[in-house]
N, C-alpha and C. Protein backbone atom coordinates (compact mmCIF):
# COMPACT_ATOMS: atom_id res chain seq x y z
N MET A 1 8.28 15.69 0.98
CA MET A 1 8.97 15.31 -0.24
C MET A 1 10.05 14.53 0.28
N GLY A 2 10.31 13.22 -0.64
CA GLY A 2 11.42 12.99 -0.56
C GLY A 2 11.33 11.83 -1.75
N TYR A 3 12.92 10.92 -1.99
CA TYR A 3 13.22 10.10 -2.80
C TYR A 3 13.94 9.22 -1.92
N PHE A 4 13.65 7.81 -2.43
CA PHE A 4 14.78 6.70 -2.19
C PHE A 4 15.68 6.48 -2.96
N ILE A 5 16.92 6.12 -2.78
CA ILE A 5 17.77 5.96 -4.28
C ILE A 5 18.15 4.77 -4.06
N THR A 6 18.28 3.64 -5.41
CA THR A 6 18.48 2.64 -5.03
C THR A 6 19.23 2.16 -6.41
N GLY A 7 20.12 1.20 -6.65
CA GLY A 7 20.87 1.14 -7.58
C GLY A 7 21.09 -0.53 -7.93
N THR A 8 21.75 -0.81 -9.56
CA THR A 8 21.74 -2.18 -9.72
C THR A 8 22.55 -2.74 -8.88
N ASP A 9 23.43 -2.08 -8.08
CA ASP A 9 24.53 -2.82 -7.35
C ASP A 9 25.31 -1.78 -6.66
N THR A 10 26.33 -2.37 -5.88
CA THR A 10 26.72 -1.76 -5.23
C THR A 10 28.24 -0.80 -5.73
N GLY A 11 28.24 0.47 -5.76
CA GLY A 11 29.43 1.11 -6.12
C GLY A 11 29.20 1.56 -7.43
N VAL A 12 27.57 2.07 -7.68
CA VAL A 12 27.17 2.00 -9.50
C VAL A 12 26.65 3.84 -9.26
N GLY A 13 27.17 4.57 -7.85
CA GLY A 13 26.57 6.05 -8.36
C GLY A 13 25.28 6.49 -6.63
N LYS A 14 25.43 5.43 -6.22
CA LYS A 14 23.63 6.04 -5.66
C LYS A 14 24.35 7.54 -4.76
N THR A 15 25.24 7.21 -3.65
CA THR A 15 25.69 8.18 -3.03
C THR A 15 25.79 9.68 -3.91
N LEU A 16 26.28 9.26 -5.06
CA LEU A 16 26.88 11.25 -5.82
C LEU A 16 25.00 10.87 -6.44
N ILE A 17 24.33 10.46 -6.74
CA ILE A 17 22.93 11.45 -7.40
C ILE A 17 22.44 11.40 -6.11
N ALA A 18 21.99 10.82 -4.98
CA ALA A 18 21.90 11.32 -3.79
C ALA A 18 21.90 12.82 -3.18
N SER A 19 23.09 12.76 -3.12
CA SER A 19 24.30 14.27 -2.82
C SER A 19 23.65 15.10 -3.77
N ALA A 20 23.67 14.46 -5.19
CA ALA A 20 23.29 15.28 -6.30
C ALA A 20 21.51 16.48 -5.94
N LEU A 21 21.26 15.33 -5.54
CA LEU A 21 19.54 15.47 -5.80
C LEU A 21 19.53 16.27 -4.25
N LEU A 22 19.86 16.54 -3.25
CA LEU A 22 20.23 17.45 -1.92
C LEU A 22 20.63 18.81 -2.46
N TYR A 23 21.94 18.81 -3.00
CA TYR A 23 22.08 19.99 -3.36
C TYR A 23 21.02 20.71 -4.65
N GLN A 24 20.52 20.06 -4.99
CA GLN A 24 19.50 20.29 -5.93
C GLN A 24 18.50 21.09 -5.50
N PHE A 25 18.08 20.80 -4.19
CA PHE A 25 16.83 21.08 -3.11
C PHE A 25 16.76 22.39 -2.49
N GLY A 26 18.41 21.93 -2.01
CA GLY A 26 18.79 23.03 -1.42
C GLY A 26 18.99 24.70 -2.49
N ARG A 27 19.44 24.38 -4.17
CA ARG A 27 19.17 25.41 -4.67
C ARG A 27 17.46 25.98 -5.04
N GLN A 28 16.83 25.41 -4.45
CA GLN A 28 15.56 25.69 -4.96
C GLN A 28 14.63 25.92 -3.57
N GLY A 29 15.81 26.45 -2.44
CA GLY A 29 14.85 27.17 -1.19
C GLY A 29 14.65 25.78 -0.16
N LEU A 30 14.59 24.80 -0.41
CA LEU A 30 14.44 23.78 0.37
C LEU A 30 15.21 23.33 1.42
N ALA A 31 14.66 22.82 2.99
CA ALA A 31 15.63 22.55 3.74
C ALA A 31 15.73 21.18 3.05
N SER A 32 16.80 20.20 2.94
CA SER A 32 16.62 19.28 2.64
C SER A 32 18.10 18.15 3.37
N VAL A 33 17.74 17.33 3.77
CA VAL A 33 18.69 16.01 4.47
C VAL A 33 18.76 14.56 3.53
N GLY A 34 20.13 14.28 4.23
CA GLY A 34 20.12 12.80 3.40
C GLY A 34 19.66 12.02 4.41
N MET A 35 19.66 10.62 4.49
CA MET A 35 20.09 9.71 5.01
C MET A 35 20.53 8.21 4.22
N LYS A 36 21.30 7.59 5.15
CA LYS A 36 21.77 6.67 4.92
C LYS A 36 21.29 5.78 5.66
N PRO A 37 20.83 5.22 6.01
CA PRO A 37 20.35 4.27 7.04
C PRO A 37 21.11 3.41 7.52
N ILE A 38 21.89 2.32 6.92
CA ILE A 38 22.81 1.53 6.91
C ILE A 38 23.95 1.63 6.16
N SER A 39 25.10 1.77 6.92
CA SER A 39 26.64 1.81 5.68
C SER A 39 27.34 1.07 6.49
N ALA A 40 28.25 0.37 5.78
CA ALA A 40 29.14 -0.66 5.78
C ALA A 40 30.43 -0.68 5.57
N GLY A 41 31.37 0.03 6.73
CA GLY A 41 32.91 0.48 5.74
C GLY A 41 33.07 1.84 6.84
N LEU A 42 34.02 1.64 7.71
CA LEU A 42 34.69 3.03 8.03
C LEU A 42 36.13 3.05 7.68
N ILE A 43 36.19 4.61 7.69
CA ILE A 43 38.32 4.77 7.31
C ILE A 43 38.16 5.80 8.68
N GLU A 44 39.25 5.87 8.50
CA GLU A 44 39.85 6.93 9.77
C GLU A 44 40.27 8.00 9.05
N SER A 45 39.94 9.07 10.23
CA SER A 45 39.87 10.50 9.72
C SER A 45 40.69 11.31 10.60
N ALA A 46 41.03 12.46 10.18
CA ALA A 46 41.87 13.36 11.38
C ALA A 46 40.52 13.48 12.62
N THR A 47 38.85 13.33 12.29
CA THR A 47 38.01 13.75 13.48
C THR A 47 38.02 12.80 14.13
N GLY A 48 38.09 11.05 13.38
CA GLY A 48 37.55 9.98 13.56
C GLY A 48 37.38 9.23 12.44
N TRP A 49 36.70 7.83 13.09
CA TRP A 49 36.10 7.23 12.17
C TRP A 49 34.92 7.41 11.61
N ILE A 50 34.78 7.73 10.14
CA ILE A 50 33.90 7.95 9.56
C ILE A 50 33.40 7.02 7.86
N ASN A 51 32.58 7.45 8.21
CA ASN A 51 32.09 6.44 6.19
C ASN A 51 31.72 7.48 5.62
N GLU A 52 32.60 7.67 4.21
CA GLU A 52 32.52 8.71 3.07
C GLU A 52 31.30 8.74 2.49
N ASP A 53 30.22 7.71 2.47
CA ASP A 53 29.04 7.97 1.74
C ASP A 53 28.21 8.91 2.91
N VAL A 54 28.28 8.36 3.78
CA VAL A 54 27.08 9.19 5.11
C VAL A 54 27.63 10.72 5.12
N GLU A 55 29.10 11.22 5.21
CA GLU A 55 29.96 12.41 5.49
C GLU A 55 29.43 12.87 4.02
N SER A 56 29.20 12.52 2.25
CA SER A 56 28.72 12.86 1.35
C SER A 56 27.52 13.30 1.64
N LEU A 57 26.58 12.95 2.23
CA LEU A 57 25.10 13.33 2.59
C LEU A 57 25.24 14.46 3.57
N ARG A 58 26.41 14.12 4.34
CA ARG A 58 25.83 15.48 5.46
C ARG A 58 26.57 16.80 4.71
N ARG A 59 27.41 16.73 3.64
CA ARG A 59 27.89 17.98 3.11
C ARG A 59 26.31 18.26 2.40
N ALA A 60 25.81 17.37 1.67
CA ALA A 60 25.00 18.01 0.66
C ALA A 60 24.04 18.26 0.91
N GLY A 61 23.36 18.07 2.45
CA GLY A 61 22.29 18.67 2.86
C GLY A 61 22.45 20.04 3.11
N ASN A 62 21.67 20.32 3.36
CA ASN A 62 21.35 22.05 4.52
C ASN A 62 21.14 22.01 5.63
N VAL A 63 20.24 20.92 6.15
CA VAL A 63 19.87 20.81 7.83
C VAL A 63 21.17 19.88 8.59
N ALA A 64 21.66 20.94 9.56
CA ALA A 64 22.54 20.36 10.63
C ALA A 64 22.27 18.64 11.13
N VAL A 65 23.11 18.11 10.90
CA VAL A 65 23.08 16.84 11.58
C VAL A 65 23.97 16.02 12.21
N THR A 66 23.87 15.15 12.25
CA THR A 66 25.36 13.89 13.07
C THR A 66 24.95 13.22 12.03
N ALA A 67 26.15 12.08 12.13
CA ALA A 67 26.44 10.63 11.20
C ALA A 67 25.51 10.11 12.09
N ALA A 68 25.06 9.77 13.28
CA ALA A 68 24.32 9.27 14.13
C ALA A 68 22.71 9.47 13.60
N GLU A 69 22.45 10.74 13.09
CA GLU A 69 21.22 11.16 13.33
C GLU A 69 20.93 10.68 11.82
N ILE A 70 21.98 10.52 10.89
CA ILE A 70 21.45 9.89 9.70
C ILE A 70 21.79 8.62 9.42
N CYS A 71 22.61 8.08 10.10
CA CYS A 71 22.76 6.88 9.76
C CYS A 71 22.65 6.23 11.32
N PRO A 72 21.53 5.35 11.35
CA PRO A 72 21.27 4.68 12.67
C PRO A 72 22.17 3.60 12.84
N TYR A 73 22.34 2.54 11.79
CA TYR A 73 23.57 1.54 11.60
C TYR A 73 24.59 1.69 10.74
N LEU A 74 25.54 2.26 11.82
CA LEU A 74 27.33 2.87 11.06
C LEU A 74 27.71 1.78 11.59
N LEU A 75 28.00 0.40 10.12
CA LEU A 75 28.74 -0.78 10.30
C LEU A 75 30.56 -0.72 10.67
N PRO A 76 31.16 -1.06 11.34
CA PRO A 76 32.73 -1.23 10.58
C PRO A 76 33.21 -1.83 9.37
N ALA A 77 32.84 -3.12 8.78
CA ALA A 77 33.07 -3.98 8.24
C ALA A 77 32.82 -3.26 6.63
N ALA A 78 33.15 -3.47 5.66
CA ALA A 78 33.02 -2.99 4.38
C ALA A 78 32.72 -4.23 3.72
N ILE A 79 31.25 -5.14 4.17
CA ILE A 79 31.09 -6.46 3.47
C ILE A 79 29.42 -6.22 3.68
N ALA A 80 28.97 -7.22 3.13
CA ALA A 80 27.02 -7.39 3.37
C ALA A 80 26.82 -6.83 4.13
N PRO A 81 26.06 -6.09 4.32
CA PRO A 81 24.98 -5.32 5.64
C PRO A 81 24.88 -5.98 6.84
N HIS A 82 24.03 -7.21 6.07
CA HIS A 82 23.98 -8.33 7.56
C HIS A 82 24.39 -9.01 7.93
N ILE A 83 25.80 -9.06 7.31
CA ILE A 83 27.16 -9.53 7.54
C ILE A 83 27.96 -8.66 8.46
N ALA A 84 28.16 -7.99 8.23
CA ALA A 84 28.82 -7.00 8.94
C ALA A 84 28.43 -6.18 10.42
N ALA A 85 26.68 -6.60 10.72
CA ALA A 85 25.81 -6.68 11.64
C ALA A 85 25.99 -7.25 12.40
N ALA A 86 26.09 -8.80 12.54
CA ALA A 86 26.65 -9.92 12.76
C ALA A 86 27.94 -9.67 13.07
N GLU A 87 28.80 -9.53 12.51
CA GLU A 87 29.93 -9.45 13.17
C GLU A 87 29.81 -8.46 13.88
N ALA A 88 29.27 -7.31 13.90
CA ALA A 88 29.51 -5.88 15.14
C ALA A 88 28.24 -6.53 16.60
N SER A 89 27.98 -7.46 15.97
CA SER A 89 26.77 -8.07 17.31
C SER A 89 25.66 -6.98 17.48
N VAL A 90 24.89 -6.95 16.15
CA VAL A 90 23.96 -5.98 15.95
C VAL A 90 22.84 -6.17 15.27
N THR A 91 22.02 -6.20 15.26
CA THR A 91 20.62 -6.66 14.61
C THR A 91 19.93 -5.36 14.27
N ILE A 92 19.86 -5.24 12.56
CA ILE A 92 19.11 -4.22 11.94
C ILE A 92 17.96 -4.22 12.02
N GLU A 93 16.73 -3.60 12.44
CA GLU A 93 15.68 -3.32 12.92
C GLU A 93 14.66 -2.52 12.24
N LEU A 94 14.10 -2.64 11.04
CA LEU A 94 13.15 -1.48 10.77
C LEU A 94 12.63 -0.32 11.29
N ALA A 95 12.11 -1.06 12.29
CA ALA A 95 11.74 0.06 13.17
C ALA A 95 12.68 1.09 13.30
N VAL A 96 13.53 1.19 13.56
CA VAL A 96 14.29 2.10 14.17
C VAL A 96 15.04 3.02 13.20
N ILE A 97 14.76 2.25 12.27
CA ILE A 97 14.96 2.94 10.75
C ILE A 97 13.73 4.30 10.39
N LYS A 98 12.69 3.45 11.03
CA LYS A 98 11.46 3.90 10.35
C LYS A 98 11.75 5.66 11.05
N ASP A 99 10.95 5.36 12.52
CA ASP A 99 11.57 6.49 13.98
C ASP A 99 12.86 7.29 13.43
N ARG A 100 13.72 6.86 13.16
CA ARG A 100 15.33 7.77 12.44
C ARG A 100 14.43 9.08 11.56
N PHE A 101 14.22 7.89 10.44
CA PHE A 101 13.29 8.82 9.36
C PHE A 101 12.18 9.59 9.57
N GLN A 102 11.34 8.90 10.49
CA GLN A 102 10.10 10.43 10.20
C GLN A 102 10.54 11.34 11.64
N ALA A 103 11.79 11.61 12.00
CA ALA A 103 12.39 12.33 12.84
C ALA A 103 13.00 13.10 12.39
N LEU A 104 13.62 13.32 10.80
CA LEU A 104 13.90 14.03 9.65
C LEU A 104 13.23 14.84 9.14
N THR A 105 11.93 14.09 8.78
CA THR A 105 10.61 14.26 7.90
C THR A 105 10.40 15.54 8.98
N LYS A 106 10.54 15.45 9.82
CA LYS A 106 10.52 17.06 11.08
C LYS A 106 11.06 18.24 10.77
N ARG A 107 12.21 17.68 10.38
CA ARG A 107 13.35 18.85 10.21
C ARG A 107 13.55 19.53 9.10
N ALA A 108 12.82 18.50 7.89
CA ALA A 108 12.96 19.29 6.48
C ALA A 108 12.00 19.17 5.26
N ASP A 109 12.42 19.98 4.79
CA ASP A 109 11.29 20.14 3.74
C ASP A 109 11.60 18.80 2.92
N ALA A 110 12.72 18.07 2.64
CA ALA A 110 12.89 17.15 1.65
C ALA A 110 13.99 16.31 2.28
N VAL A 111 13.64 14.59 2.53
CA VAL A 111 14.77 13.74 2.99
C VAL A 111 14.92 12.97 1.77
N VAL A 112 16.16 12.76 1.35
CA VAL A 112 16.28 11.79 0.44
C VAL A 112 17.21 10.72 0.90
N VAL A 113 16.62 9.51 1.12
CA VAL A 113 17.47 8.01 1.62
C VAL A 113 18.12 7.12 0.68
N GLU A 114 19.06 7.01 0.64
CA GLU A 114 20.05 6.11 0.17
C GLU A 114 20.13 4.60 0.47
N GLY A 115 19.55 4.05 0.13
CA GLY A 115 19.84 2.63 0.15
C GLY A 115 21.03 2.01 0.39
N VAL A 116 21.12 0.36 0.82
CA VAL A 116 22.48 0.03 0.93
C VAL A 116 22.49 -1.13 -0.18
N GLY A 117 23.98 -0.90 -1.31
CA GLY A 117 23.77 -1.94 -1.99
C GLY A 117 22.81 -2.15 -3.03
N GLY A 118 22.22 -2.72 -3.59
CA GLY A 118 21.32 -3.14 -4.70
C GLY A 118 20.14 -3.36 -3.84
N PHE A 119 18.83 -3.66 -4.68
CA PHE A 119 17.24 -3.93 -4.19
C PHE A 119 16.91 -4.72 -3.28
N ARG A 120 17.73 -5.90 -3.38
CA ARG A 120 17.45 -6.93 -2.26
C ARG A 120 18.19 -7.11 -1.58
N VAL A 121 19.80 -6.64 -1.37
CA VAL A 121 20.64 -7.02 0.14
C VAL A 121 19.84 -7.04 1.20
N PRO A 122 19.60 -8.36 1.53
CA PRO A 122 19.71 -8.69 3.22
C PRO A 122 19.81 -8.00 3.82
N LEU A 123 19.44 -7.70 4.99
CA LEU A 123 19.26 -6.66 6.48
C LEU A 123 19.65 -7.43 7.35
N ASN A 124 18.68 -8.55 7.27
CA ASN A 124 18.58 -9.09 8.72
C ASN A 124 18.36 -11.05 8.06
N SER A 125 18.11 -11.36 8.88
CA SER A 125 17.29 -12.79 8.99
C SER A 125 16.28 -13.04 7.93
N ARG A 126 15.04 -11.84 7.90
CA ARG A 126 13.84 -11.69 7.70
C ARG A 126 13.95 -10.43 6.80
N ARG A 127 14.93 -9.24 6.69
CA ARG A 127 14.42 -8.38 6.09
C ARG A 127 15.35 -7.90 4.88
N ASP A 128 14.96 -7.30 3.49
CA ASP A 128 16.15 -6.61 2.97
C ASP A 128 15.60 -5.45 2.58
N THR A 129 16.42 -5.06 1.30
CA THR A 129 16.67 -3.83 1.34
C THR A 129 15.12 -3.14 0.46
N ALA A 130 14.34 -4.10 0.08
CA ALA A 130 13.52 -3.62 -0.55
C ALA A 130 12.18 -3.57 0.57
N ASP A 131 12.29 -4.42 1.60
CA ASP A 131 11.53 -4.15 2.54
C ASP A 131 11.49 -2.53 3.16
N LEU A 132 12.94 -2.38 3.42
CA LEU A 132 13.04 -0.82 4.03
C LEU A 132 12.21 0.41 2.81
N ALA A 133 12.17 -0.16 1.59
CA ALA A 133 12.19 0.84 0.32
C ALA A 133 10.45 1.05 1.15
N ALA A 134 9.94 -0.03 1.12
CA ALA A 134 8.42 -0.39 1.00
C ALA A 134 7.75 0.37 2.32
N MET A 135 8.72 0.31 3.10
CA MET A 135 8.39 0.94 4.71
C MET A 135 8.33 2.20 4.61
N LEU A 136 9.08 3.00 4.11
CA LEU A 136 9.09 3.80 3.95
C LEU A 136 8.57 4.65 2.67
N GLY A 137 7.94 4.19 1.94
CA GLY A 137 6.75 4.51 0.61
C GLY A 137 7.40 5.35 0.05
N LEU A 138 9.04 5.73 -0.54
CA LEU A 138 9.29 6.90 -1.07
C LEU A 138 9.15 6.56 -2.38
N PRO A 139 9.12 7.35 -3.70
CA PRO A 139 9.18 7.56 -5.13
C PRO A 139 10.68 7.08 -5.01
N ILE A 140 11.09 6.02 -5.76
CA ILE A 140 12.25 5.87 -6.23
C ILE A 140 13.35 6.14 -7.39
N ILE A 141 14.32 6.34 -7.40
CA ILE A 141 15.01 6.64 -8.36
C ILE A 141 16.16 5.57 -8.58
N LEU A 142 16.73 5.03 -9.82
CA LEU A 142 16.86 3.39 -9.90
C LEU A 142 18.55 4.14 -10.60
N VAL A 143 19.51 4.16 -10.07
CA VAL A 143 21.01 4.56 -10.21
C VAL A 143 21.23 3.23 -11.44
N VAL A 144 21.59 3.26 -12.25
CA VAL A 144 21.74 2.41 -13.31
C VAL A 144 23.69 2.69 -13.46
N GLY A 145 24.73 1.66 -12.93
CA GLY A 145 25.69 1.92 -13.29
C GLY A 145 25.95 1.12 -14.30
N MET A 146 26.15 1.92 -15.25
CA MET A 146 26.62 1.79 -16.47
C MET A 146 27.98 1.13 -17.36
N ARG A 147 27.85 0.02 -17.64
CA ARG A 147 29.34 -0.89 -17.55
C ARG A 147 28.04 -1.89 -18.77
N LEU A 148 29.22 -3.18 -19.03
CA LEU A 148 28.67 -4.70 -19.16
C LEU A 148 27.41 -5.28 -18.49
N GLY A 149 26.49 -5.95 -18.34
CA GLY A 149 25.69 -6.33 -17.64
C GLY A 149 24.77 -5.54 -17.36
N CYS A 150 24.11 -4.46 -17.46
CA CYS A 150 23.85 -3.48 -16.76
C CYS A 150 22.30 -3.38 -17.42
N LEU A 151 21.68 -3.98 -18.30
CA LEU A 151 20.98 -4.06 -18.82
C LEU A 151 20.12 -5.16 -18.17
N ASN A 152 20.22 -6.19 -18.22
CA ASN A 152 19.83 -7.19 -17.06
C ASN A 152 19.52 -6.44 -15.54
N HIS A 153 20.65 -6.18 -14.72
CA HIS A 153 20.47 -5.50 -13.87
C HIS A 153 19.71 -5.05 -13.39
N ALA A 154 19.38 -3.93 -14.29
CA ALA A 154 18.26 -2.60 -14.29
C ALA A 154 17.13 -3.17 -14.49
N LEU A 155 16.72 -3.90 -15.52
CA LEU A 155 15.46 -4.67 -16.00
C LEU A 155 15.22 -5.22 -14.53
N LEU A 156 15.85 -6.52 -13.76
CA LEU A 156 15.81 -6.84 -13.14
C LEU A 156 15.31 -6.38 -11.75
N THR A 157 15.87 -5.12 -11.70
CA THR A 157 15.95 -4.28 -10.41
C THR A 157 14.19 -3.41 -10.44
N ALA A 158 13.97 -2.88 -11.97
CA ALA A 158 12.86 -2.41 -11.94
C ALA A 158 11.80 -3.44 -11.99
N GLU A 159 11.93 -4.91 -11.73
CA GLU A 159 10.80 -5.77 -11.77
C GLU A 159 10.69 -6.04 -10.31
N ALA A 160 11.82 -5.94 -9.60
CA ALA A 160 11.48 -6.21 -8.55
C ALA A 160 10.50 -4.89 -7.71
N ILE A 161 11.23 -3.97 -8.75
CA ILE A 161 10.35 -2.36 -7.44
C ILE A 161 8.79 -2.77 -7.59
N HIS A 162 8.54 -2.76 -9.18
CA HIS A 162 7.39 -3.23 -9.68
C HIS A 162 6.41 -4.34 -8.55
N SER A 163 7.16 -5.50 -8.15
CA SER A 163 6.51 -6.15 -7.65
C SER A 163 5.96 -5.62 -6.53
N ARG A 164 6.62 -4.88 -5.59
CA ARG A 164 6.69 -4.38 -4.10
C ARG A 164 5.50 -3.26 -4.56
N CYS A 165 4.86 -2.87 -5.77
CA CYS A 165 3.78 -1.86 -6.10
C CYS A 165 4.70 -0.46 -5.34
N LEU A 166 5.59 -0.24 -5.71
CA LEU A 166 6.78 1.06 -5.51
C LEU A 166 6.64 1.83 -7.02
N ILE A 167 6.47 2.96 -6.37
CA ILE A 167 6.45 4.43 -7.77
C ILE A 167 8.20 4.16 -7.91
N LEU A 168 8.05 3.91 -9.33
CA LEU A 168 9.54 4.17 -9.95
C LEU A 168 9.48 5.33 -10.74
N ALA A 169 9.99 6.48 -10.00
CA ALA A 169 10.34 7.71 -10.39
C ALA A 169 10.91 8.46 -11.74
N GLY A 170 12.04 7.13 -11.75
CA GLY A 170 12.93 7.67 -12.81
C GLY A 170 14.35 6.75 -12.52
N TRP A 171 14.82 7.26 -13.81
CA TRP A 171 16.26 6.71 -13.62
C TRP A 171 17.39 7.25 -13.96
N VAL A 172 19.03 6.97 -13.93
CA VAL A 172 19.89 7.83 -13.91
C VAL A 172 21.03 6.54 -14.80
N ALA A 173 21.56 7.45 -15.95
CA ALA A 173 22.64 6.40 -16.50
C ALA A 173 23.43 6.85 -16.30
N ASN A 174 24.79 6.25 -15.07
CA ASN A 174 25.75 7.04 -14.21
C ASN A 174 26.59 6.06 -15.16
N GLN A 175 27.65 6.52 -15.94
CA GLN A 175 28.81 5.64 -17.06
C GLN A 175 29.85 5.71 -15.76
N ILE A 176 29.98 4.25 -15.08
CA ILE A 176 31.04 4.21 -14.11
C ILE A 176 32.70 3.24 -15.49
N ASP A 177 32.08 2.84 -16.23
CA ASP A 177 33.24 2.47 -17.02
C ASP A 177 33.28 3.27 -18.32
N SER A 178 34.84 3.70 -18.43
CA SER A 178 35.33 5.06 -19.27
C SER A 178 35.13 4.38 -20.41
N LYS A 179 35.05 3.09 -20.89
CA LYS A 179 35.30 2.49 -22.18
C LYS A 179 33.95 1.63 -22.43
N MET A 180 33.30 1.57 -21.62
CA MET A 180 32.46 0.90 -22.27
C MET A 180 31.63 0.33 -23.25
N PRO A 181 31.46 -0.39 -24.42
CA PRO A 181 31.40 -0.56 -25.38
C PRO A 181 30.29 -0.18 -25.61
N ARG A 182 29.23 0.85 -26.83
CA ARG A 182 28.12 0.85 -26.87
C ARG A 182 27.20 1.51 -25.93
N LEU A 183 27.81 2.62 -25.86
CA LEU A 183 27.24 3.20 -24.67
C LEU A 183 25.79 3.36 -24.59
N GLU A 184 25.29 4.28 -26.10
CA GLU A 184 24.29 4.83 -26.47
C GLU A 184 23.19 3.64 -26.75
N GLU A 185 23.84 2.64 -27.43
CA GLU A 185 22.74 1.89 -27.49
C GLU A 185 22.06 0.84 -26.47
N ASN A 186 23.31 1.25 -25.47
CA ASN A 186 22.31 0.45 -23.65
C ASN A 186 21.37 1.21 -23.15
N ILE A 187 22.11 2.64 -23.45
CA ILE A 187 21.17 3.33 -22.98
C ILE A 187 19.55 3.80 -23.90
N ALA A 188 20.10 3.53 -25.10
CA ALA A 188 18.49 3.43 -25.61
C ALA A 188 17.68 2.60 -25.45
N ALA A 189 18.23 0.69 -25.18
CA ALA A 189 17.75 -0.18 -24.85
C ALA A 189 16.84 0.02 -23.51
N LEU A 190 17.95 0.83 -22.58
CA LEU A 190 16.75 1.00 -21.36
C LEU A 190 15.99 1.94 -21.14
N THR A 191 15.79 2.98 -21.85
CA THR A 191 15.15 3.91 -22.06
C THR A 191 13.85 3.45 -22.79
N GLU A 192 14.01 2.63 -23.52
CA GLU A 192 12.63 1.76 -24.36
C GLU A 192 12.07 0.93 -23.43
N ARG A 193 12.73 0.11 -22.10
CA ARG A 193 12.07 -1.24 -22.23
C ARG A 193 11.70 -0.27 -20.21
N LEU A 194 12.62 0.55 -19.65
CA LEU A 194 12.16 0.85 -18.29
C LEU A 194 11.27 1.99 -18.09
N PRO A 195 10.34 1.56 -17.53
CA PRO A 195 8.79 1.95 -17.19
C PRO A 195 9.18 3.15 -16.36
N CYS A 196 9.50 4.02 -16.48
CA CYS A 196 9.74 5.41 -16.12
C CYS A 196 10.88 6.11 -17.08
N PRO A 197 11.07 7.81 -16.88
CA PRO A 197 11.88 8.55 -17.47
C PRO A 197 13.33 8.45 -16.91
N LEU A 198 13.91 8.75 -18.06
CA LEU A 198 15.72 8.90 -17.82
C LEU A 198 15.79 10.37 -17.26
N ILE A 199 15.83 10.60 -16.30
CA ILE A 199 16.06 11.41 -15.38
C ILE A 199 17.73 12.50 -15.53
N ALA A 200 18.64 11.81 -15.61
CA ALA A 200 19.65 12.37 -15.65
C ALA A 200 20.66 10.93 -16.43
N ARG A 201 21.71 12.00 -17.28
CA ARG A 201 23.14 10.73 -18.06
C ARG A 201 24.20 11.59 -17.20
N VAL A 202 24.97 10.37 -16.71
CA VAL A 202 26.07 10.83 -15.78
C VAL A 202 27.13 10.90 -16.69
N PRO A 203 28.17 11.34 -17.10
CA PRO A 203 29.20 10.88 -18.12
C PRO A 203 30.44 10.30 -17.26
N PHE A 204 31.57 9.79 -17.95
CA PHE A 204 32.20 9.04 -16.84
C PHE A 204 33.45 10.04 -16.58
N PHE A 205 33.66 10.23 -15.15
CA PHE A 205 34.70 11.69 -14.02
C PHE A 205 35.24 10.48 -13.19
N ALA A 206 36.96 11.26 -13.30
CA ALA A 206 37.58 10.19 -12.34
C ALA A 206 36.93 10.82 -10.75
N ALA A 207 36.83 11.87 -10.51
CA ALA A 207 36.21 12.89 -9.23
C ALA A 207 35.09 13.67 -9.80
N PRO A 208 33.82 12.67 -9.95
CA PRO A 208 32.88 13.25 -10.00
C PRO A 208 32.20 14.45 -9.05
N VAL A 209 31.55 15.67 -9.42
CA VAL A 209 31.28 16.71 -8.58
C VAL A 209 29.88 16.64 -8.11
N PRO A 210 28.92 16.34 -7.55
CA PRO A 210 27.45 16.26 -7.22
C PRO A 210 26.87 17.40 -7.32
N ARG A 211 27.46 18.47 -7.10
CA ARG A 211 26.71 19.90 -7.17
C ARG A 211 26.58 20.33 -8.41
N LEU A 212 27.15 19.45 -9.44
CA LEU A 212 27.23 20.26 -10.90
C LEU A 212 26.30 19.33 -11.62
N ILE A 213 26.05 18.02 -11.14
CA ILE A 213 24.70 17.09 -12.00
C ILE A 213 23.11 17.83 -11.64
N GLU A 214 22.53 18.09 -12.59
CA GLU A 214 20.96 18.40 -12.61
C GLU A 214 20.23 16.88 -12.71
N LEU A 215 19.06 16.80 -11.51
CA LEU A 215 18.03 16.08 -12.34
C LEU A 215 17.09 16.38 -12.79
N LYS A 216 16.36 15.56 -13.71
CA LYS A 216 14.75 15.77 -14.56
C LYS A 216 13.91 15.64 -13.56
N LEU A 217 13.57 15.95 -12.14
CA LEU A 217 12.40 14.97 -11.57
C LEU A 217 11.33 14.92 -12.79
N PRO A 218 10.34 13.89 -12.28
CA PRO A 218 9.46 13.80 -13.21
C PRO A 218 8.32 15.50 -12.13
N GLN A 219 7.24 15.46 -12.59
CA GLN A 219 6.41 16.83 -12.05
C GLN A 219 4.92 16.09 -11.30
């Protein structure tokens, strides 16, 4: 069992929803682990240099893993991943990610994979996040950052997912603009047009708590 979490953009709440799903699987008695194959951006902590998204996934899962086990490409610069990789003299290879993913599937009942940025973010000179999702073949959850412009972003992303013959299992309306005008009308427009169910609505929180979010996964 597993899901691939993508979003309409960077900073729309993919890590929040991936972490929420991991906590939910844990409450159901499943051994769960998160994976963020590529992360860009490190901060200094008391234990060394870390990526906050990777650490959030580590905390949310109930299988003990290291950052390296769930994130084979931990890149220093908080920029587009293919540029961050080039600056670090690294080439992102999908085969490496696939091997790490398969290793995790042997240790957990559920693996939640979080993409990087949006659905078509370049990973190297030939591949992008859509290729990564296609390789893993997991059902996809689309996190829509509810703000002005999200309708176009969400519909184009759904179209890109469909063009790869991948399963769009559901979408999440995550309010990232506390003052978004006509929020309900925008959610209604996407509910009418997206070819998948709305599985969660997350109101704006300055400091959201992933374990409190419940997703209504399709049966």
